[in-house]
Amino acid sequence: MGNKKELYIDAAECTGCEYCIDKLPSVFTLNSDGISTIVDQNGADEKAIQKVMDNCPAECMFWK
């Protein structure tokens, strides 16, 4: 069972602080520009992802 919503990161807002990667490395990684990207949004449940989203210093993650 995958997540019903699509996770989105606004690359223009991401500061590359690595908070999301530290908390959920199965979901997030840094790209070559130092911006967080999604590796596998099914790598954690929605509740865990939402907690990271709620605590993101850049507030750059959203559900579509």
N, C-alpha and C. Protein backbone atom coordinates (compact mmCIF):
# COMPACT_ATOMS: atom_id res chain seq x y z
N MET A 1 0.85 -1.20 0.00
CA MET A 1 0.00 0.00 0.00
C MET A 1 0.88 1.24 0.00
N GLY A 2 0.75 2.07 -0.99
CA GLY A 2 1.50 3.31 -1.06
C GLY A 2 0.70 4.47 -0.51
N ASN A 3 1.37 5.58 -0.43
CA ASN A 3 0.70 6.79 0.01
C ASN A 3 -0.26 7.25 -1.08
N LYS A 4 -1.40 7.80 -0.68
CA LYS A 4 -2.40 8.25 -1.64
C LYS A 4 -2.05 9.61 -2.22
N LYS A 5 -1.32 10.42 -1.44
CA LYS A 5 -0.95 11.76 -1.87
C LYS A 5 0.47 11.73 -2.43
N GLU A 6 0.77 12.72 -3.28
CA GLU A 6 2.10 12.82 -3.84
C GLU A 6 2.90 13.86 -3.06
N LEU A 7 4.08 13.47 -2.62
CA LEU A 7 4.97 14.37 -1.89
C LEU A 7 5.69 15.27 -2.88
N TYR A 8 5.80 16.55 -2.53
CA TYR A 8 6.44 17.53 -3.40
C TYR A 8 7.39 18.39 -2.58
N ILE A 9 8.58 18.65 -3.11
CA ILE A 9 9.53 19.57 -2.48
C ILE A 9 9.72 20.75 -3.41
N ASP A 10 9.55 21.96 -2.88
CA ASP A 10 9.79 23.18 -3.64
C ASP A 10 11.29 23.46 -3.59
N ALA A 11 11.99 23.08 -4.64
CA ALA A 11 13.45 23.19 -4.68
C ALA A 11 13.93 24.63 -4.48
N ALA A 12 13.15 25.60 -4.91
CA ALA A 12 13.54 27.00 -4.75
C ALA A 12 13.53 27.43 -3.29
N GLU A 13 12.74 26.73 -2.47
CA GLU A 13 12.64 27.08 -1.05
C GLU A 13 13.57 26.23 -0.17
N CYS A 14 14.00 25.08 -0.65
CA CYS A 14 14.83 24.17 0.14
C CYS A 14 16.19 24.80 0.40
N THR A 15 16.64 24.73 1.67
CA THR A 15 17.93 25.30 2.05
C THR A 15 19.03 24.25 2.14
N GLY A 16 18.67 22.98 1.93
CA GLY A 16 19.66 21.91 1.99
C GLY A 16 20.17 21.65 3.40
N CYS A 17 19.34 21.90 4.39
CA CYS A 17 19.76 21.76 5.79
C CYS A 17 19.94 20.30 6.21
N GLU A 18 19.39 19.38 5.44
CA GLU A 18 19.49 17.93 5.66
C GLU A 18 18.62 17.43 6.82
N TYR A 19 17.74 18.24 7.36
CA TYR A 19 16.85 17.79 8.43
C TYR A 19 16.05 16.56 7.98
N CYS A 20 15.44 16.65 6.81
CA CYS A 20 14.59 15.55 6.33
C CYS A 20 15.41 14.29 6.09
N ILE A 21 16.62 14.46 5.61
CA ILE A 21 17.49 13.32 5.33
C ILE A 21 17.93 12.65 6.63
N ASP A 22 18.24 13.45 7.63
CA ASP A 22 18.62 12.91 8.94
C ASP A 22 17.47 12.10 9.55
N LYS A 23 16.24 12.58 9.38
CA LYS A 23 15.07 11.94 9.98
C LYS A 23 14.55 10.76 9.16
N LEU A 24 14.53 10.89 7.84
CA LEU A 24 13.97 9.83 6.98
C LEU A 24 14.85 9.60 5.74
N PRO A 25 16.03 9.01 5.95
CA PRO A 25 16.91 8.76 4.79
C PRO A 25 16.33 7.79 3.77
N SER A 26 15.31 7.03 4.17
CA SER A 26 14.67 6.12 3.22
C SER A 26 13.74 6.86 2.26
N VAL A 27 13.44 8.13 2.59
CA VAL A 27 12.52 8.93 1.77
C VAL A 27 13.25 10.05 1.03
N PHE A 28 14.21 10.69 1.69
CA PHE A 28 14.87 11.89 1.16
C PHE A 28 16.37 11.70 0.95
N THR A 29 16.91 12.44 0.00
CA THR A 29 18.36 12.52 -0.22
C THR A 29 18.67 13.91 -0.77
N LEU A 30 19.94 14.26 -0.83
CA LEU A 30 20.34 15.52 -1.46
C LEU A 30 20.74 15.26 -2.89
N ASN A 31 20.36 16.16 -3.78
CA ASN A 31 20.80 16.03 -5.17
C ASN A 31 22.17 16.71 -5.32
N SER A 32 22.70 16.73 -6.50
CA SER A 32 24.03 17.29 -6.74
C SER A 32 24.10 18.79 -6.48
N ASP A 33 22.96 19.46 -6.42
CA ASP A 33 22.91 20.89 -6.11
C ASP A 33 22.74 21.17 -4.62
N GLY A 34 22.71 20.10 -3.80
CA GLY A 34 22.54 20.28 -2.36
C GLY A 34 21.11 20.54 -1.94
N ILE A 35 20.17 20.14 -2.79
CA ILE A 35 18.74 20.33 -2.52
C ILE A 35 18.12 18.98 -2.23
N SER A 36 17.22 18.95 -1.26
CA SER A 36 16.55 17.71 -0.91
C SER A 36 15.66 17.23 -2.06
N THR A 37 15.71 15.94 -2.30
CA THR A 37 14.84 15.32 -3.29
C THR A 37 14.24 14.05 -2.69
N ILE A 38 13.22 13.56 -3.32
CA ILE A 38 12.51 12.38 -2.84
C ILE A 38 13.10 11.13 -3.50
N VAL A 39 13.53 10.20 -2.67
CA VAL A 39 14.05 8.93 -3.16
C VAL A 39 12.89 7.96 -3.31
N ASP A 40 12.06 7.87 -2.25
CA ASP A 40 10.95 6.93 -2.24
C ASP A 40 9.92 7.40 -1.22
N GLN A 41 8.85 8.02 -1.69
CA GLN A 41 7.86 8.52 -0.75
C GLN A 41 7.13 7.40 -0.02
N ASN A 42 7.29 6.19 -0.50
CA ASN A 42 6.72 5.03 0.19
C ASN A 42 7.72 4.40 1.17
N GLY A 43 8.86 5.09 1.38
CA GLY A 43 9.88 4.60 2.29
C GLY A 43 9.53 4.80 3.76
N ALA A 44 8.44 5.50 4.01
CA ALA A 44 7.94 5.71 5.38
C ALA A 44 6.45 5.97 5.27
N ASP A 45 5.74 5.85 6.38
CA ASP A 45 4.30 6.11 6.33
C ASP A 45 4.01 7.61 6.32
N GLU A 46 2.81 7.96 5.93
CA GLU A 46 2.44 9.37 5.81
C GLU A 46 2.60 10.12 7.11
N LYS A 47 2.32 9.48 8.22
CA LYS A 47 2.43 10.14 9.53
C LYS A 47 3.88 10.56 9.80
N ALA A 48 4.83 9.67 9.51
CA ALA A 48 6.24 9.98 9.72
C ALA A 48 6.70 11.10 8.77
N ILE A 49 6.27 11.03 7.52
CA ILE A 49 6.62 12.07 6.55
C ILE A 49 6.00 13.40 6.97
N GLN A 50 4.76 13.38 7.41
CA GLN A 50 4.10 14.61 7.83
C GLN A 50 4.83 15.25 9.00
N LYS A 51 5.33 14.46 9.92
CA LYS A 51 6.08 15.00 11.06
C LYS A 51 7.33 15.73 10.58
N VAL A 52 8.04 15.14 9.62
CA VAL A 52 9.22 15.80 9.05
C VAL A 52 8.80 17.08 8.33
N MET A 53 7.73 17.01 7.56
CA MET A 53 7.24 18.19 6.84
C MET A 53 6.91 19.32 7.81
N ASP A 54 6.24 18.98 8.91
CA ASP A 54 5.83 19.98 9.90
C ASP A 54 7.01 20.64 10.58
N ASN A 55 8.15 19.95 10.62
CA ASN A 55 9.33 20.47 11.31
C ASN A 55 10.43 20.95 10.37
N CYS A 56 10.16 20.95 9.07
CA CYS A 56 11.13 21.41 8.09
C CYS A 56 11.41 22.89 8.29
N PRO A 57 12.68 23.27 8.55
CA PRO A 57 12.99 24.68 8.77
C PRO A 57 12.66 25.58 7.57
N ALA A 58 12.76 25.04 6.36
CA ALA A 58 12.50 25.83 5.16
C ALA A 58 11.02 25.81 4.76
N GLU A 59 10.23 24.94 5.38
CA GLU A 59 8.81 24.80 5.05
C GLU A 59 8.59 24.63 3.55
N CYS A 60 9.39 23.73 2.96
CA CYS A 60 9.38 23.59 1.50
C CYS A 60 8.72 22.31 1.00
N MET A 61 8.11 21.53 1.91
CA MET A 61 7.49 20.26 1.50
C MET A 61 5.98 20.34 1.60
N PHE A 62 5.34 19.74 0.60
CA PHE A 62 3.88 19.79 0.51
C PHE A 62 3.33 18.48 -0.02
N TRP A 63 2.06 18.25 0.21
CA TRP A 63 1.33 17.15 -0.44
C TRP A 63 0.58 17.72 -1.62
N LYS A 64 0.60 17.01 -2.73
CA LYS A 64 -0.19 17.39 -3.91
C LYS A 64 -1.41 16.53 -3.97
